[in-house]
N, C-alpha and C. Protein backbone atom coordinates (compact mmCIF):
# COMPACT_ATOMS: atom_id res chain seq x y z
N MET A 1 113.02 89.61 113.76
CA MET A 1 111.63 89.96 114.00
C MET A 1 111.49 90.49 115.42
N LYS A 2 110.77 91.57 115.56
CA LYS A 2 110.54 92.19 116.85
C LYS A 2 109.60 91.33 117.69
N GLN A 3 109.93 91.13 118.96
CA GLN A 3 109.07 90.38 119.87
C GLN A 3 107.84 91.21 120.22
N LEU A 4 106.71 90.57 120.35
CA LEU A 4 105.49 91.25 120.76
C LEU A 4 105.72 91.88 122.13
N GLY A 5 105.29 93.11 122.30
CA GLY A 5 105.45 93.79 123.57
C GLY A 5 106.73 94.59 123.67
N GLU A 6 107.51 94.66 122.60
CA GLU A 6 108.74 95.43 122.62
C GLU A 6 108.53 96.82 122.06
N GLY A 7 107.60 97.55 122.63
CA GLY A 7 107.42 98.93 122.27
C GLY A 7 106.55 99.20 121.06
N GLN A 8 105.82 98.22 120.59
CA GLN A 8 104.90 98.46 119.48
C GLN A 8 103.55 98.88 120.03
N PHE A 9 102.94 99.87 119.38
CA PHE A 9 101.66 100.37 119.82
C PHE A 9 100.70 100.39 118.64
N PHE A 10 99.41 100.16 118.93
CA PHE A 10 98.42 100.06 117.89
C PHE A 10 97.17 100.84 118.28
N LEU A 11 96.48 101.36 117.30
CA LEU A 11 95.19 101.97 117.50
C LEU A 11 94.18 101.01 116.88
N ILE A 12 93.25 100.51 117.71
CA ILE A 12 92.29 99.52 117.21
C ILE A 12 90.87 99.93 117.56
N ARG A 13 89.90 99.42 116.82
CA ARG A 13 88.49 99.70 117.09
C ARG A 13 88.03 98.94 118.34
N GLU A 14 87.09 99.54 119.03
CA GLU A 14 86.55 98.96 120.26
C GLU A 14 85.97 97.57 120.04
N ASP A 15 85.33 97.32 118.90
CA ASP A 15 84.65 96.04 118.69
C ASP A 15 85.60 94.86 118.55
N VAL A 16 86.90 95.10 118.41
CA VAL A 16 87.84 93.98 118.35
C VAL A 16 88.57 93.76 119.68
N LEU A 17 88.28 94.61 120.67
CA LEU A 17 88.83 94.39 122.01
C LEU A 17 88.14 93.18 122.64
N THR A 18 88.86 92.48 123.51
CA THR A 18 88.24 91.38 124.23
C THR A 18 87.18 91.94 125.18
N GLU A 19 86.28 91.08 125.60
CA GLU A 19 85.24 91.50 126.54
C GLU A 19 85.86 92.02 127.84
N SER A 20 86.92 91.38 128.30
CA SER A 20 87.59 91.82 129.53
C SER A 20 88.16 93.23 129.37
N MET A 21 88.75 93.51 128.22
CA MET A 21 89.29 94.85 127.98
C MET A 21 88.19 95.89 127.97
N GLN A 22 87.06 95.56 127.33
CA GLN A 22 85.94 96.50 127.28
C GLN A 22 85.38 96.76 128.68
N LYS A 23 85.29 95.70 129.49
CA LYS A 23 84.79 95.86 130.86
C LYS A 23 85.77 96.67 131.71
N MET A 24 87.08 96.46 131.49
CA MET A 24 88.08 97.23 132.22
C MET A 24 87.95 98.72 131.88
N LEU A 25 87.74 99.04 130.59
CA LEU A 25 87.56 100.43 130.20
C LEU A 25 86.32 101.04 130.84
N GLU A 26 85.25 100.27 130.94
CA GLU A 26 84.03 100.76 131.59
C GLU A 26 84.28 100.97 133.09
N ALA A 27 85.02 100.07 133.71
CA ALA A 27 85.34 100.23 135.13
C ALA A 27 86.19 101.49 135.35
N LYS A 28 87.14 101.74 134.47
CA LYS A 28 87.95 102.96 134.58
C LYS A 28 87.09 104.21 134.42
N ARG A 29 86.10 104.15 133.51
CA ARG A 29 85.19 105.27 133.32
C ARG A 29 84.37 105.52 134.58
N LEU A 30 83.88 104.44 135.20
CA LEU A 30 83.11 104.57 136.43
C LEU A 30 83.94 105.22 137.54
N LEU A 31 85.20 104.81 137.64
CA LEU A 31 86.09 105.39 138.65
C LEU A 31 86.38 106.86 138.36
N ALA A 32 86.66 107.18 137.09
CA ALA A 32 87.00 108.56 136.72
C ALA A 32 85.80 109.50 136.92
N SER A 33 84.60 109.01 136.68
CA SER A 33 83.40 109.85 136.80
C SER A 33 82.94 109.98 138.25
N GLY A 34 83.47 109.13 139.13
CA GLY A 34 83.04 109.16 140.52
C GLY A 34 81.81 108.31 140.80
N GLU A 35 81.30 107.62 139.76
CA GLU A 35 80.14 106.76 139.98
C GLU A 35 80.49 105.60 140.91
N GLU A 36 81.73 105.18 140.88
CA GLU A 36 82.24 104.18 141.82
C GLU A 36 83.51 104.74 142.42
N SER A 37 83.75 104.43 143.70
CA SER A 37 84.91 105.02 144.37
C SER A 37 86.07 104.05 144.56
N THR A 38 85.82 102.75 144.37
CA THR A 38 86.90 101.78 144.53
C THR A 38 86.96 100.86 143.32
N ILE A 39 88.14 100.31 143.09
CA ILE A 39 88.32 99.36 141.99
C ILE A 39 87.43 98.15 142.21
N GLN A 40 87.35 97.69 143.45
CA GLN A 40 86.51 96.54 143.75
C GLN A 40 85.05 96.79 143.36
N ASP A 41 84.53 97.96 143.72
CA ASP A 41 83.13 98.28 143.39
C ASP A 41 82.94 98.40 141.87
N ALA A 42 83.87 99.05 141.21
CA ALA A 42 83.75 99.24 139.76
C ALA A 42 83.82 97.91 139.02
N THR A 43 84.76 97.04 139.40
CA THR A 43 84.88 95.76 138.71
C THR A 43 83.68 94.86 138.99
N LYS A 44 83.17 94.93 140.20
CA LYS A 44 81.98 94.15 140.54
C LYS A 44 80.79 94.60 139.70
N ARG A 45 80.64 95.90 139.56
CA ARG A 45 79.50 96.46 138.80
C ARG A 45 79.53 96.04 137.33
N VAL A 46 80.74 95.95 136.73
CA VAL A 46 80.83 95.59 135.31
C VAL A 46 81.02 94.09 135.09
N GLY A 47 81.16 93.33 136.18
CA GLY A 47 81.32 91.88 136.05
C GLY A 47 82.71 91.46 135.59
N LEU A 48 83.74 92.06 136.19
CA LEU A 48 85.13 91.80 135.82
C LEU A 48 85.93 91.47 137.07
N SER A 49 86.86 90.55 136.97
CA SER A 49 87.72 90.26 138.11
C SER A 49 88.72 91.40 138.29
N ARG A 50 89.15 91.60 139.53
CA ARG A 50 90.15 92.65 139.77
C ARG A 50 91.47 92.31 139.08
N SER A 51 91.81 91.04 139.01
CA SER A 51 93.07 90.67 138.35
C SER A 51 93.05 91.05 136.87
N ALA A 52 91.90 90.88 136.21
CA ALA A 52 91.79 91.29 134.81
C ALA A 52 91.88 92.81 134.69
N PHE A 53 91.28 93.51 135.63
CA PHE A 53 91.37 94.97 135.63
C PHE A 53 92.83 95.40 135.70
N TYR A 54 93.58 94.84 136.66
CA TYR A 54 94.99 95.22 136.83
C TYR A 54 95.84 94.78 135.64
N LYS A 55 95.47 93.68 135.01
CA LYS A 55 96.21 93.18 133.84
C LYS A 55 96.18 94.19 132.70
N TYR A 56 95.03 94.83 132.48
CA TYR A 56 94.87 95.69 131.32
C TYR A 56 94.89 97.19 131.60
N ARG A 57 94.78 97.60 132.86
CA ARG A 57 94.56 99.02 133.15
C ARG A 57 95.65 99.95 132.65
N ASP A 58 96.90 99.50 132.59
CA ASP A 58 97.98 100.38 132.13
C ASP A 58 98.38 100.11 130.69
N THR A 59 97.57 99.34 129.98
CA THR A 59 97.92 99.01 128.59
C THR A 59 96.84 99.34 127.58
N VAL A 60 95.61 99.55 128.02
CA VAL A 60 94.50 99.84 127.11
C VAL A 60 93.86 101.16 127.54
N PHE A 61 93.77 102.11 126.58
CA PHE A 61 93.26 103.43 126.89
C PHE A 61 92.29 103.90 125.81
N PRO A 62 91.26 104.63 126.19
CA PRO A 62 90.42 105.25 125.17
C PRO A 62 91.24 106.29 124.40
N PHE A 63 91.00 106.41 123.12
CA PHE A 63 91.76 107.35 122.29
C PHE A 63 91.68 108.78 122.84
N GLU A 64 90.50 109.19 123.33
CA GLU A 64 90.33 110.54 123.83
C GLU A 64 91.26 110.83 125.00
N SER A 65 91.46 109.86 125.89
CA SER A 65 92.33 110.11 127.04
C SER A 65 93.78 110.19 126.61
N ILE A 66 94.15 109.47 125.57
CA ILE A 66 95.52 109.53 125.07
C ILE A 66 95.78 110.89 124.45
N ALA A 67 94.81 111.43 123.76
CA ALA A 67 94.98 112.73 123.13
C ALA A 67 95.12 113.84 124.19
N ARG A 68 94.47 113.68 125.35
CA ARG A 68 94.55 114.68 126.41
C ARG A 68 95.79 114.52 127.26
N GLU A 69 96.06 113.32 127.70
CA GLU A 69 97.17 113.07 128.60
C GLU A 69 98.47 112.93 127.83
N ARG A 70 99.47 113.57 128.30
CA ARG A 70 100.79 113.47 127.68
C ARG A 70 101.82 113.15 128.77
N ILE A 71 101.45 112.22 129.65
CA ILE A 71 102.34 111.84 130.75
C ILE A 71 102.77 110.39 130.56
N LEU A 72 104.05 110.18 130.70
CA LEU A 72 104.66 108.88 130.49
C LEU A 72 105.35 108.47 131.79
N THR A 73 105.19 107.23 132.22
CA THR A 73 105.91 106.72 133.38
C THR A 73 106.79 105.57 132.92
N ILE A 74 108.07 105.65 133.27
CA ILE A 74 109.07 104.68 132.82
C ILE A 74 109.83 104.14 134.02
N PHE A 75 110.09 102.84 133.99
CA PHE A 75 110.90 102.17 135.01
C PHE A 75 112.21 101.74 134.36
N ILE A 76 113.34 102.14 134.95
CA ILE A 76 114.65 101.85 134.38
C ILE A 76 115.50 101.12 135.42
N GLN A 77 116.10 100.01 135.00
CA GLN A 77 117.07 99.31 135.84
C GLN A 77 118.45 99.56 135.25
N LEU A 78 119.41 99.88 136.12
CA LEU A 78 120.73 100.21 135.61
C LEU A 78 121.83 99.84 136.59
N GLU A 79 123.04 99.79 136.04
CA GLU A 79 124.22 99.63 136.88
C GLU A 79 124.45 100.95 137.59
N ASP A 80 124.85 100.87 138.83
CA ASP A 80 125.12 102.09 139.59
C ASP A 80 126.49 102.63 139.21
N ARG A 81 126.49 103.66 138.40
CA ARG A 81 127.73 104.33 137.98
C ARG A 81 127.57 105.83 138.21
N LYS A 82 128.68 106.47 138.54
CA LYS A 82 128.68 107.90 138.72
C LYS A 82 128.23 108.58 137.43
N GLY A 83 127.25 109.47 137.54
CA GLY A 83 126.79 110.23 136.39
C GLY A 83 125.72 109.56 135.54
N SER A 84 125.30 108.35 135.92
CA SER A 84 124.32 107.64 135.09
C SER A 84 122.98 108.37 135.05
N LEU A 85 122.50 108.87 136.18
CA LEU A 85 121.24 109.61 136.18
C LEU A 85 121.35 110.88 135.34
N ALA A 86 122.48 111.56 135.47
CA ALA A 86 122.70 112.78 134.67
C ALA A 86 122.66 112.47 133.18
N THR A 87 123.23 111.35 132.77
CA THR A 87 123.22 110.96 131.36
C THR A 87 121.79 110.72 130.88
N LEU A 88 121.00 110.01 131.68
CA LEU A 88 119.60 109.76 131.32
C LEU A 88 118.80 111.07 131.25
N LEU A 89 119.04 111.96 132.20
CA LEU A 89 118.33 113.24 132.19
C LEU A 89 118.72 114.08 130.98
N GLN A 90 119.97 113.95 130.52
CA GLN A 90 120.40 114.65 129.31
C GLN A 90 119.64 114.14 128.09
N ILE A 91 119.48 112.82 128.00
CA ILE A 91 118.72 112.23 126.89
C ILE A 91 117.28 112.73 126.92
N ILE A 92 116.70 112.76 128.11
CA ILE A 92 115.33 113.23 128.28
C ILE A 92 115.21 114.70 127.87
N SER A 93 116.16 115.50 128.28
CA SER A 93 116.16 116.92 127.92
C SER A 93 116.29 117.12 126.42
N GLU A 94 117.17 116.35 125.79
CA GLU A 94 117.39 116.47 124.35
C GLU A 94 116.13 116.11 123.54
N THR A 95 115.27 115.28 124.10
CA THR A 95 114.04 114.91 123.40
C THR A 95 112.87 115.80 123.77
N LYS A 96 113.15 116.88 124.48
CA LYS A 96 112.15 117.89 124.84
C LYS A 96 111.08 117.39 125.81
N CYS A 97 111.45 116.43 126.66
CA CYS A 97 110.54 115.95 127.70
C CYS A 97 110.79 116.74 128.98
N ASN A 98 109.76 116.86 129.79
CA ASN A 98 109.86 117.56 131.06
C ASN A 98 109.69 116.55 132.19
N VAL A 99 110.65 116.50 133.10
CA VAL A 99 110.60 115.56 134.22
C VAL A 99 109.60 116.07 135.26
N LEU A 100 108.62 115.24 135.59
CA LEU A 100 107.63 115.58 136.61
C LEU A 100 108.03 115.00 137.96
N THR A 101 108.44 113.72 137.97
CA THR A 101 108.91 113.09 139.20
C THR A 101 110.07 112.14 138.89
N ILE A 102 110.94 111.98 139.89
CA ILE A 102 112.04 111.01 139.82
C ILE A 102 112.06 110.26 141.14
N HIS A 103 112.14 108.94 141.05
CA HIS A 103 112.35 108.14 142.25
C HIS A 103 113.48 107.18 141.94
N GLN A 104 114.58 107.29 142.69
CA GLN A 104 115.71 106.39 142.49
C GLN A 104 115.94 105.63 143.79
N THR A 105 116.07 104.30 143.66
CA THR A 105 116.31 103.48 144.85
C THR A 105 117.78 103.58 145.25
N ILE A 106 118.04 103.23 146.47
CA ILE A 106 119.43 103.12 146.93
C ILE A 106 120.04 101.91 146.23
N PRO A 107 121.22 102.05 145.66
CA PRO A 107 121.83 100.93 144.94
C PRO A 107 122.08 99.73 145.86
N VAL A 108 121.74 98.56 145.34
CA VAL A 108 121.99 97.30 146.03
C VAL A 108 122.74 96.41 145.05
N GLN A 109 123.89 95.90 145.48
CA GLN A 109 124.73 95.06 144.62
C GLN A 109 125.02 95.74 143.28
N ALA A 110 125.35 97.02 143.36
CA ALA A 110 125.74 97.84 142.20
C ALA A 110 124.62 97.98 141.16
N ARG A 111 123.37 97.85 141.58
CA ARG A 111 122.22 98.02 140.70
C ARG A 111 121.26 99.02 141.35
N ALA A 112 120.62 99.83 140.51
CA ALA A 112 119.64 100.80 141.01
C ALA A 112 118.43 100.79 140.09
N ASN A 113 117.32 101.23 140.63
CA ASN A 113 116.08 101.35 139.86
C ASN A 113 115.65 102.81 139.89
N ILE A 114 115.16 103.28 138.74
CA ILE A 114 114.67 104.65 138.64
C ILE A 114 113.28 104.60 138.02
N THR A 115 112.36 105.32 138.63
CA THR A 115 111.03 105.50 138.05
C THR A 115 110.88 106.98 137.72
N LEU A 116 110.55 107.26 136.46
CA LEU A 116 110.41 108.63 135.99
C LEU A 116 109.00 108.87 135.49
N SER A 117 108.42 110.00 135.85
CA SER A 117 107.18 110.46 135.23
C SER A 117 107.55 111.68 134.41
N LEU A 118 107.16 111.64 133.13
CA LEU A 118 107.57 112.68 132.20
C LEU A 118 106.37 113.29 131.48
N ASP A 119 106.43 114.59 131.28
CA ASP A 119 105.48 115.26 130.40
C ASP A 119 106.13 115.26 129.02
N VAL A 120 105.51 114.58 128.08
CA VAL A 120 106.10 114.42 126.74
C VAL A 120 105.34 115.23 125.68
N THR A 121 104.68 116.27 126.12
CA THR A 121 103.90 117.11 125.20
C THR A 121 104.76 117.67 124.07
N GLU A 122 105.98 118.05 124.37
CA GLU A 122 106.86 118.68 123.37
C GLU A 122 107.71 117.68 122.61
N MET A 123 107.66 116.40 122.96
CA MET A 123 108.50 115.40 122.32
C MET A 123 108.14 115.28 120.85
N LYS A 124 109.15 115.32 119.97
CA LYS A 124 108.91 115.30 118.53
C LYS A 124 109.27 113.96 117.88
N ILE A 125 109.82 113.02 118.63
CA ILE A 125 110.20 111.73 118.07
C ILE A 125 109.17 110.67 118.47
N LYS A 126 109.21 109.54 117.79
CA LYS A 126 108.28 108.45 118.10
C LYS A 126 108.67 107.81 119.43
N MET A 127 107.65 107.25 120.08
CA MET A 127 107.85 106.62 121.38
C MET A 127 108.92 105.53 121.32
N GLU A 128 108.88 104.69 120.28
CA GLU A 128 109.84 103.60 120.16
C GLU A 128 111.27 104.14 120.10
N GLU A 129 111.48 105.23 119.36
CA GLU A 129 112.81 105.82 119.26
C GLU A 129 113.25 106.39 120.61
N PHE A 130 112.32 107.03 121.32
CA PHE A 130 112.64 107.57 122.63
C PHE A 130 113.09 106.47 123.59
N LEU A 131 112.33 105.36 123.61
CA LEU A 131 112.70 104.25 124.50
C LEU A 131 114.04 103.65 124.10
N GLN A 132 114.33 103.58 122.81
CA GLN A 132 115.63 103.08 122.35
C GLN A 132 116.77 104.00 122.80
N ARG A 133 116.54 105.29 122.75
CA ARG A 133 117.57 106.24 123.22
C ARG A 133 117.86 106.04 124.70
N LEU A 134 116.80 105.79 125.49
CA LEU A 134 117.00 105.55 126.92
C LEU A 134 117.75 104.25 127.17
N LYS A 135 117.58 103.27 126.29
CA LYS A 135 118.25 101.98 126.43
C LYS A 135 119.70 102.01 125.94
N SER A 136 120.08 103.05 125.21
CA SER A 136 121.38 103.07 124.53
C SER A 136 122.61 103.12 125.44
N PRO A 137 122.61 103.83 126.57
CA PRO A 137 123.82 103.80 127.40
C PRO A 137 124.13 102.39 127.89
N ASP A 138 125.41 102.04 127.94
CA ASP A 138 125.79 100.66 128.29
C ASP A 138 125.47 100.29 129.74
N PHE A 139 125.22 101.28 130.59
CA PHE A 139 124.88 100.98 131.98
C PHE A 139 123.40 100.67 132.18
N VAL A 140 122.57 100.91 131.17
CA VAL A 140 121.12 100.65 131.27
C VAL A 140 120.86 99.18 130.99
N GLU A 141 120.22 98.51 131.95
CA GLU A 141 119.90 97.09 131.78
C GLU A 141 118.52 96.88 131.18
N SER A 142 117.54 97.72 131.57
CA SER A 142 116.21 97.59 130.99
C SER A 142 115.44 98.90 131.15
N VAL A 143 114.53 99.11 130.20
CA VAL A 143 113.62 100.26 130.23
C VAL A 143 112.23 99.69 129.98
N VAL A 144 111.31 99.95 130.92
CA VAL A 144 109.96 99.42 130.82
C VAL A 144 108.98 100.59 130.86
N LEU A 145 108.10 100.62 129.87
CA LEU A 145 107.04 101.60 129.84
C LEU A 145 105.96 101.13 130.82
N VAL A 146 105.75 101.89 131.89
CA VAL A 146 104.78 101.50 132.91
C VAL A 146 103.39 101.97 132.52
N SER A 147 103.26 103.21 132.15
CA SER A 147 101.97 103.73 131.69
C SER A 147 102.21 104.94 130.81
N SER A 148 101.22 105.17 129.95
CA SER A 148 101.36 106.29 129.05
C SER A 148 100.02 106.75 128.54
N GLY A 149 99.92 108.05 128.42
CA GLY A 149 98.80 108.66 127.72
C GLY A 149 99.34 109.43 126.54
N ALA A 150 100.51 109.02 126.05
CA ALA A 150 101.20 109.81 125.04
C ALA A 150 101.48 109.06 123.76
N LEU A 151 100.82 107.98 123.53
CA LEU A 151 101.20 107.16 122.39
C LEU A 151 100.56 107.62 121.12
């Protein structure tokens, strides 16, 4: 059985979201519209703690924003091996994703971290399959979806 949070995504109606999730979405709307300029002001206005805002902000999205945004941010931990980044970029290229940004840390104790922002507009496979492909090389220790408007 698949563990909850292992790459499963759902489309649900607003009325079944928790009150905190609904308030977080309203706070994000206030920030996007410019009605509020800081997270603190937006969360105060909707009656939500900042910790609840941060808990849900990268996991709950209005359907309309998902349909518009096709940007995915992924965090990868891996063993530092020659050619490992090239292998990951090959997988990304094969799935028709476009790399927007790459940040790779300096390896410490033979481990490195990579954060990738990808335009996945042309990607033809399901998100779960894409994440599995990124996890497939034996040097990859973990792949975490940080944020997405592409689900």
